[in-house]
Amino acid sequence: FIGTGGVGKTTTAASVAFGKAMEGFKV
């Protein structure tokens, strides 16, 4: 994940990771 500061990049990365775990992957 890349992008400028203050756009929620860290939270978005964590959310995508959580989503992939929900789908059944080890993340």
PDB file of all heavy atoms in Angstrom:
ATOM      1  N   PHE A   1       0.844  -1.193   0.000  1.00  0.00           N
ATOM      2  CA  PHE A   1       0.000   0.000   0.000  1.00  0.00           C
ATOM      3  C   PHE A   1       0.882   1.248   0.000  1.00  0.00           C
ATOM      4  O   PHE A   1       1.791   1.374   0.824  1.00  0.00           O
ATOM      5  CB  PHE A   1      -0.911   0.008   1.227  1.00  0.00           C
ATOM      6  CG  PHE A   1      -2.129  -0.858   1.069  1.00  0.00           C
ATOM      7  CD1 PHE A   1      -2.026  -2.242   1.175  1.00  0.00           C
ATOM      8  CD2 PHE A   1      -3.373  -0.307   0.796  1.00  0.00           C
ATOM      9  CE1 PHE A   1      -3.132  -3.060   1.017  1.00  0.00           C
ATOM     10  CE2 PHE A   1      -4.487  -1.111   0.631  1.00  0.00           C
ATOM     11  CZ  PHE A   1      -4.375  -2.489   0.752  1.00  0.00           C
ATOM     12  N   ILE A   2       0.598   2.169  -0.921  1.00  0.00           N
ATOM     13  CA  ILE A   2       1.334   3.423  -1.005  1.00  0.00           C
ATOM     14  C   ILE A   2       0.329   4.576  -1.062  1.00  0.00           C
ATOM     15  O   ILE A   2      -0.847   4.375  -1.365  1.00  0.00           O
ATOM     16  CB  ILE A   2       2.261   3.457  -2.241  1.00  0.00           C
ATOM     17  CG1 ILE A   2       1.437   3.261  -3.531  1.00  0.00           C
ATOM     18  CG2 ILE A   2       3.360   2.416  -2.131  1.00  0.00           C
ATOM     19  CD1 ILE A   2       2.256   3.406  -4.809  1.00  0.00           C
ATOM     20  N   GLY A   3       0.803   5.789  -0.779  1.00  0.00           N
ATOM     21  CA  GLY A   3      -0.069   6.955  -0.834  1.00  0.00           C
ATOM     22  C   GLY A   3       0.404   8.053   0.089  1.00  0.00           C
ATOM     23  O   GLY A   3       1.346   7.873   0.868  1.00  0.00           O
ATOM     24  N   THR A   4      -0.236   9.207  -0.002  1.00  0.00           N
ATOM     25  CA  THR A   4       0.144  10.341   0.833  1.00  0.00           C
ATOM     26  C   THR A   4      -0.291  10.113   2.275  1.00  0.00           C
ATOM     27  O   THR A   4      -1.098   9.221   2.563  1.00  0.00           O
ATOM     28  CB  THR A   4      -0.512  11.634   0.304  1.00  0.00           C
ATOM     29  OG1 THR A   4      -1.927  11.446   0.271  1.00  0.00           O
ATOM     30  CG2 THR A   4      -0.025  11.960  -1.087  1.00  0.00           C
ATOM     31  N   GLY A   5       0.235  10.932   3.176  1.00  0.00           N
ATOM     32  CA  GLY A   5      -0.151  10.833   4.576  1.00  0.00           C
ATOM     33  C   GLY A   5      -1.559  11.369   4.801  1.00  0.00           C
ATOM     34  O   GLY A   5      -2.040  12.224   4.066  1.00  0.00           O
ATOM     35  N   GLY A   6      -2.221  10.843   5.807  1.00  0.00           N
ATOM     36  CA  GLY A   6      -3.515  11.377   6.194  1.00  0.00           C
ATOM     37  C   GLY A   6      -4.681  10.969   5.330  1.00  0.00           C
ATOM     38  O   GLY A   6      -5.725  11.627   5.335  1.00  0.00           O
ATOM     39  N   VAL A   7      -4.538   9.879   4.577  1.00  0.00           N
ATOM     40  CA  VAL A   7      -5.648   9.429   3.717  1.00  0.00           C
ATOM     41  C   VAL A   7      -6.235   8.102   4.201  1.00  0.00           C
ATOM     42  O   VAL A   7      -7.087   7.519   3.536  1.00  0.00           O
ATOM     43  CB  VAL A   7      -5.206   9.292   2.239  1.00  0.00           C
ATOM     44  CG1 VAL A   7      -4.817  10.639   1.670  1.00  0.00           C
ATOM     45  CG2 VAL A   7      -4.067   8.283   2.088  1.00  0.00           C
ATOM     46  N   GLY A   8      -5.776   7.628   5.352  1.00  0.00           N
ATOM     47  CA  GLY A   8      -6.286   6.366   5.877  1.00  0.00           C
ATOM     48  C   GLY A   8      -5.619   5.139   5.285  1.00  0.00           C
ATOM     49  O   GLY A   8      -6.195   4.054   5.276  1.00  0.00           O
ATOM     50  N   LYS A   9      -4.377   5.297   4.820  1.00  0.00           N
ATOM     51  CA  LYS A   9      -3.669   4.193   4.150  1.00  0.00           C
ATOM     52  C   LYS A   9      -3.433   3.017   5.105  1.00  0.00           C
ATOM     53  O   LYS A   9      -3.652   1.852   4.731  1.00  0.00           O
ATOM     54  CB  LYS A   9      -2.339   4.716   3.598  1.00  0.00           C
ATOM     55  CG  LYS A   9      -1.469   3.676   2.919  1.00  0.00           C
ATOM     56  CD  LYS A   9      -0.359   4.335   2.135  1.00  0.00           C
ATOM     57  CE  LYS A   9       0.432   5.323   2.971  1.00  0.00           C
ATOM     58  NZ  LYS A   9       1.174   4.685   4.072  1.00  0.00           N
ATOM     59  N   THR A  10      -2.986   3.311   6.315  1.00  0.00           N
ATOM     60  CA  THR A  10      -2.710   2.258   7.286  1.00  0.00           C
ATOM     61  C   THR A  10      -3.990   1.503   7.641  1.00  0.00           C
ATOM     62  O   THR A  10      -4.014   0.267   7.677  1.00  0.00           O
ATOM     63  CB  THR A  10      -2.084   2.849   8.558  1.00  0.00           C
ATOM     64  OG1 THR A  10      -0.853   3.493   8.210  1.00  0.00           O
ATOM     65  CG2 THR A  10      -1.791   1.767   9.588  1.00  0.00           C
ATOM     66  N   THR A  11      -5.065   2.245   7.888  1.00  0.00           N
ATOM     67  CA  THR A  11      -6.344   1.625   8.224  1.00  0.00           C
ATOM     68  C   THR A  11      -6.872   0.802   7.054  1.00  0.00           C
ATOM     69  O   THR A  11      -7.422  -0.298   7.235  1.00  0.00           O
ATOM     70  CB  THR A  11      -7.380   2.697   8.609  1.00  0.00           C
ATOM     71  OG1 THR A  11      -6.847   3.493   9.664  1.00  0.00           O
ATOM     72  CG2 THR A  11      -8.676   2.073   9.061  1.00  0.00           C
ATOM     73  N   THR A  12      -6.693   1.307   5.826  1.00  0.00           N
ATOM     74  CA  THR A  12      -7.142   0.586   4.635  1.00  0.00           C
ATOM     75  C   THR A  12      -6.364  -0.712   4.467  1.00  0.00           C
ATOM     76  O   THR A  12      -6.950  -1.765   4.150  1.00  0.00           O
ATOM     77  CB  THR A  12      -6.988   1.462   3.377  1.00  0.00           C
ATOM     78  OG1 THR A  12      -7.701   2.688   3.562  1.00  0.00           O
ATOM     79  CG2 THR A  12      -7.542   0.760   2.150  1.00  0.00           C
ATOM     80  N   ALA A  13      -5.056  -0.665   4.667  1.00  0.00           N
ATOM     81  CA  ALA A  13      -4.232  -1.874   4.569  1.00  0.00           C
ATOM     82  C   ALA A  13      -4.688  -2.914   5.588  1.00  0.00           C
ATOM     83  O   ALA A  13      -4.816  -4.111   5.273  1.00  0.00           O
ATOM     84  CB  ALA A  13      -2.766  -1.527   4.784  1.00  0.00           C
ATOM     85  N   ALA A  14      -4.944  -2.455   6.808  1.00  0.00           N
ATOM     86  CA  ALA A  14      -5.409  -3.368   7.856  1.00  0.00           C
ATOM     87  C   ALA A  14      -6.781  -3.944   7.501  1.00  0.00           C
ATOM     88  O   ALA A  14      -7.056  -5.130   7.741  1.00  0.00           O
ATOM     89  CB  ALA A  14      -5.469  -2.636   9.195  1.00  0.00           C
ATOM     90  N   SER A  15      -7.650  -3.118   6.913  1.00  0.00           N
ATOM     91  CA  SER A  15      -8.995  -3.568   6.546  1.00  0.00           C
ATOM     92  C   SER A  15      -8.942  -4.628   5.449  1.00  0.00           C
ATOM     93  O   SER A  15      -9.668  -5.637   5.493  1.00  0.00           O
ATOM     94  CB  SER A  15      -9.846  -2.385   6.079  1.00  0.00           C
ATOM     95  OG  SER A  15     -10.011  -1.438   7.117  1.00  0.00           O
ATOM     96  N   VAL A  16      -8.091  -4.409   4.445  1.00  0.00           N
ATOM     97  CA  VAL A  16      -7.947  -5.394   3.372  1.00  0.00           C
ATOM     98  C   VAL A  16      -7.381  -6.700   3.927  1.00  0.00           C
ATOM     99  O   VAL A  16      -7.824  -7.799   3.558  1.00  0.00           O
ATOM    100  CB  VAL A  16      -7.057  -4.843   2.241  1.00  0.00           C
ATOM    101  CG1 VAL A  16      -6.714  -5.941   1.226  1.00  0.00           C
ATOM    102  CG2 VAL A  16      -7.763  -3.691   1.533  1.00  0.00           C
ATOM    103  N   ALA A  17      -6.415  -6.585   4.838  1.00  0.00           N
ATOM    104  CA  ALA A  17      -5.845  -7.781   5.469  1.00  0.00           C
ATOM    105  C   ALA A  17      -6.929  -8.557   6.226  1.00  0.00           C
ATOM    106  O   ALA A  17      -7.026  -9.786   6.122  1.00  0.00           O
ATOM    107  CB  ALA A  17      -4.722  -7.383   6.424  1.00  0.00           C
ATOM    108  N   PHE A  18      -7.756  -7.818   6.967  1.00  0.00           N
ATOM    109  CA  PHE A  18      -8.850  -8.455   7.706  1.00  0.00           C
ATOM    110  C   PHE A  18      -9.832  -9.120   6.742  1.00  0.00           C
ATOM    111  O   PHE A  18     -10.291 -10.247   6.975  1.00  0.00           O
ATOM    112  CB  PHE A  18      -9.579  -7.409   8.561  1.00  0.00           C
ATOM    113  CG  PHE A  18     -10.735  -7.960   9.343  1.00  0.00           C
ATOM    114  CD1 PHE A  18     -10.528  -8.698  10.495  1.00  0.00           C
ATOM    115  CD2 PHE A  18     -12.042  -7.751   8.909  1.00  0.00           C
ATOM    116  CE1 PHE A  18     -11.596  -9.222  11.213  1.00  0.00           C
ATOM    117  CE2 PHE A  18     -13.114  -8.267   9.615  1.00  0.00           C
ATOM    118  CZ  PHE A  18     -12.897  -9.001  10.778  1.00  0.00           C
ATOM    119  N   GLY A  19     -10.136  -8.434   5.634  1.00  0.00           N
ATOM    120  CA  GLY A  19     -11.049  -8.996   4.647  1.00  0.00           C
ATOM    121  C   GLY A  19     -10.536 -10.298   4.058  1.00  0.00           C
ATOM    122  O   GLY A  19     -11.296 -11.258   3.874  1.00  0.00           O
ATOM    123  N   LYS A  20      -9.243 -10.346   3.760  1.00  0.00           N
ATOM    124  CA  LYS A  20      -8.659 -11.565   3.200  1.00  0.00           C
ATOM    125  C   LYS A  20      -8.661 -12.704   4.229  1.00  0.00           C
ATOM    126  O   LYS A  20      -8.842 -13.880   3.874  1.00  0.00           O
ATOM    127  CB  LYS A  20      -7.231 -11.295   2.706  1.00  0.00           C
ATOM    128  CG  LYS A  20      -7.197 -10.459   1.425  1.00  0.00           C
ATOM    129  CD  LYS A  20      -7.927 -11.167   0.304  1.00  0.00           C
ATOM    130  CE  LYS A  20      -8.041 -10.321  -0.947  1.00  0.00           C
ATOM    131  NZ  LYS A  20      -8.864 -10.984  -1.982  1.00  0.00           N
ATOM    132  N   ALA A  21      -8.466 -12.363   5.499  1.00  0.00           N
ATOM    133  CA  ALA A  21      -8.553 -13.379   6.554  1.00  0.00           C
ATOM    134  C   ALA A  21      -9.983 -13.919   6.645  1.00  0.00           C
ATOM    135  O   ALA A  21     -10.207 -15.125   6.826  1.00  0.00           O
ATOM    136  CB  ALA A  21      -8.109 -12.795   7.884  1.00  0.00           C
ATOM    137  N   MET A  22     -10.963 -13.029   6.505  1.00  0.00           N
ATOM    138  CA  MET A  22     -12.364 -13.449   6.543  1.00  0.00           C
ATOM    139  C   MET A  22     -12.676 -14.393   5.385  1.00  0.00           C
ATOM    140  O   MET A  22     -13.514 -15.292   5.500  1.00  0.00           O
ATOM    141  CB  MET A  22     -13.287 -12.234   6.489  1.00  0.00           C
ATOM    142  CG  MET A  22     -13.225 -11.334   7.721  1.00  0.00           C
ATOM    143  SD  MET A  22     -13.807 -12.150   9.234  1.00  0.00           S
ATOM    144  CE  MET A  22     -15.577 -12.234   8.907  1.00  0.00           C
ATOM    145  N   GLU A  23     -11.992 -14.206   4.248  1.00  0.00           N
ATOM    146  CA  GLU A  23     -12.221 -15.053   3.076  1.00  0.00           C
ATOM    147  C   GLU A  23     -11.586 -16.438   3.222  1.00  0.00           C
ATOM    148  O   GLU A  23     -11.840 -17.329   2.411  1.00  0.00           O
ATOM    149  CB  GLU A  23     -11.661 -14.383   1.820  1.00  0.00           C
ATOM    150  CG  GLU A  23     -12.430 -13.141   1.386  1.00  0.00           C
ATOM    151  CD  GLU A  23     -11.756 -12.437   0.221  1.00  0.00           C
ATOM    152  OE1 GLU A  23     -10.940 -13.084  -0.478  1.00  0.00           O
ATOM    153  OE2 GLU A  23     -12.032 -11.236   0.004  1.00  0.00           O
ATOM    154  N   GLY A  24     -10.732 -16.591   4.233  1.00  0.00           N
ATOM    155  CA  GLY A  24     -10.136 -17.896   4.470  1.00  0.00           C
ATOM    156  C   GLY A  24      -8.636 -17.975   4.273  1.00  0.00           C
ATOM    157  O   GLY A  24      -8.047 -19.068   4.318  1.00  0.00           O
ATOM    158  N   PHE A  25      -7.976 -16.829   4.078  1.00  0.00           N
ATOM    159  CA  PHE A  25      -6.532 -16.811   3.851  1.00  0.00           C
ATOM    160  C   PHE A  25      -5.769 -16.546   5.155  1.00  0.00           C
ATOM    161  O   PHE A  25      -6.299 -15.951   6.093  1.00  0.00           O
ATOM    162  CB  PHE A  25      -6.174 -15.734   2.826  1.00  0.00           C
ATOM    163  CG  PHE A  25      -6.767 -15.976   1.473  1.00  0.00           C
ATOM    164  CD1 PHE A  25      -7.890 -15.277   1.048  1.00  0.00           C
ATOM    165  CD2 PHE A  25      -6.203 -16.909   0.612  1.00  0.00           C
ATOM    166  CE1 PHE A  25      -8.447 -15.497  -0.205  1.00  0.00           C
ATOM    167  CE2 PHE A  25      -6.745 -17.142  -0.646  1.00  0.00           C
ATOM    168  CZ  PHE A  25      -7.872 -16.429  -1.053  1.00  0.00           C
ATOM    169  N   LYS A  26      -4.525 -16.985   5.161  1.00  0.00           N
ATOM    170  CA  LYS A  26      -3.618 -16.660   6.261  1.00  0.00           C
ATOM    171  C   LYS A  26      -2.843 -15.409   5.848  1.00  0.00           C
ATOM    172  O   LYS A  26      -2.089 -15.436   4.870  1.00  0.00           O
ATOM    173  CB  LYS A  26      -2.658 -17.821   6.529  1.00  0.00           C
ATOM    174  CG  LYS A  26      -1.770 -17.619   7.752  1.00  0.00           C
ATOM    175  CD  LYS A  26      -0.887 -18.847   8.006  1.00  0.00           C
ATOM    176  CE  LYS A  26      -0.027 -18.650   9.263  1.00  0.00           C
ATOM    177  NZ  LYS A  26       0.840 -19.844   9.501  1.00  0.00           N
ATOM    178  N   VAL A  27      -3.010 -14.325   6.598  1.00  0.00           N
ATOM    179  CA  VAL A  27      -2.538 -13.010   6.164  1.00  0.00           C
ATOM    180  C   VAL A  27      -1.671 -12.359   7.245  1.00  0.00           C
ATOM    181  O   VAL A  27      -2.013 -12.386   8.428  1.00  0.00           O
ATOM    182  CB  VAL A  27      -3.723 -12.072   5.854  1.00  0.00           C
ATOM    183  CG1 VAL A  27      -3.229 -10.754   5.287  1.00  0.00           C
ATOM    184  CG2 VAL A  27      -4.705 -12.732   4.894  1.00  0.00           C
TER     185      VAL A  27
END
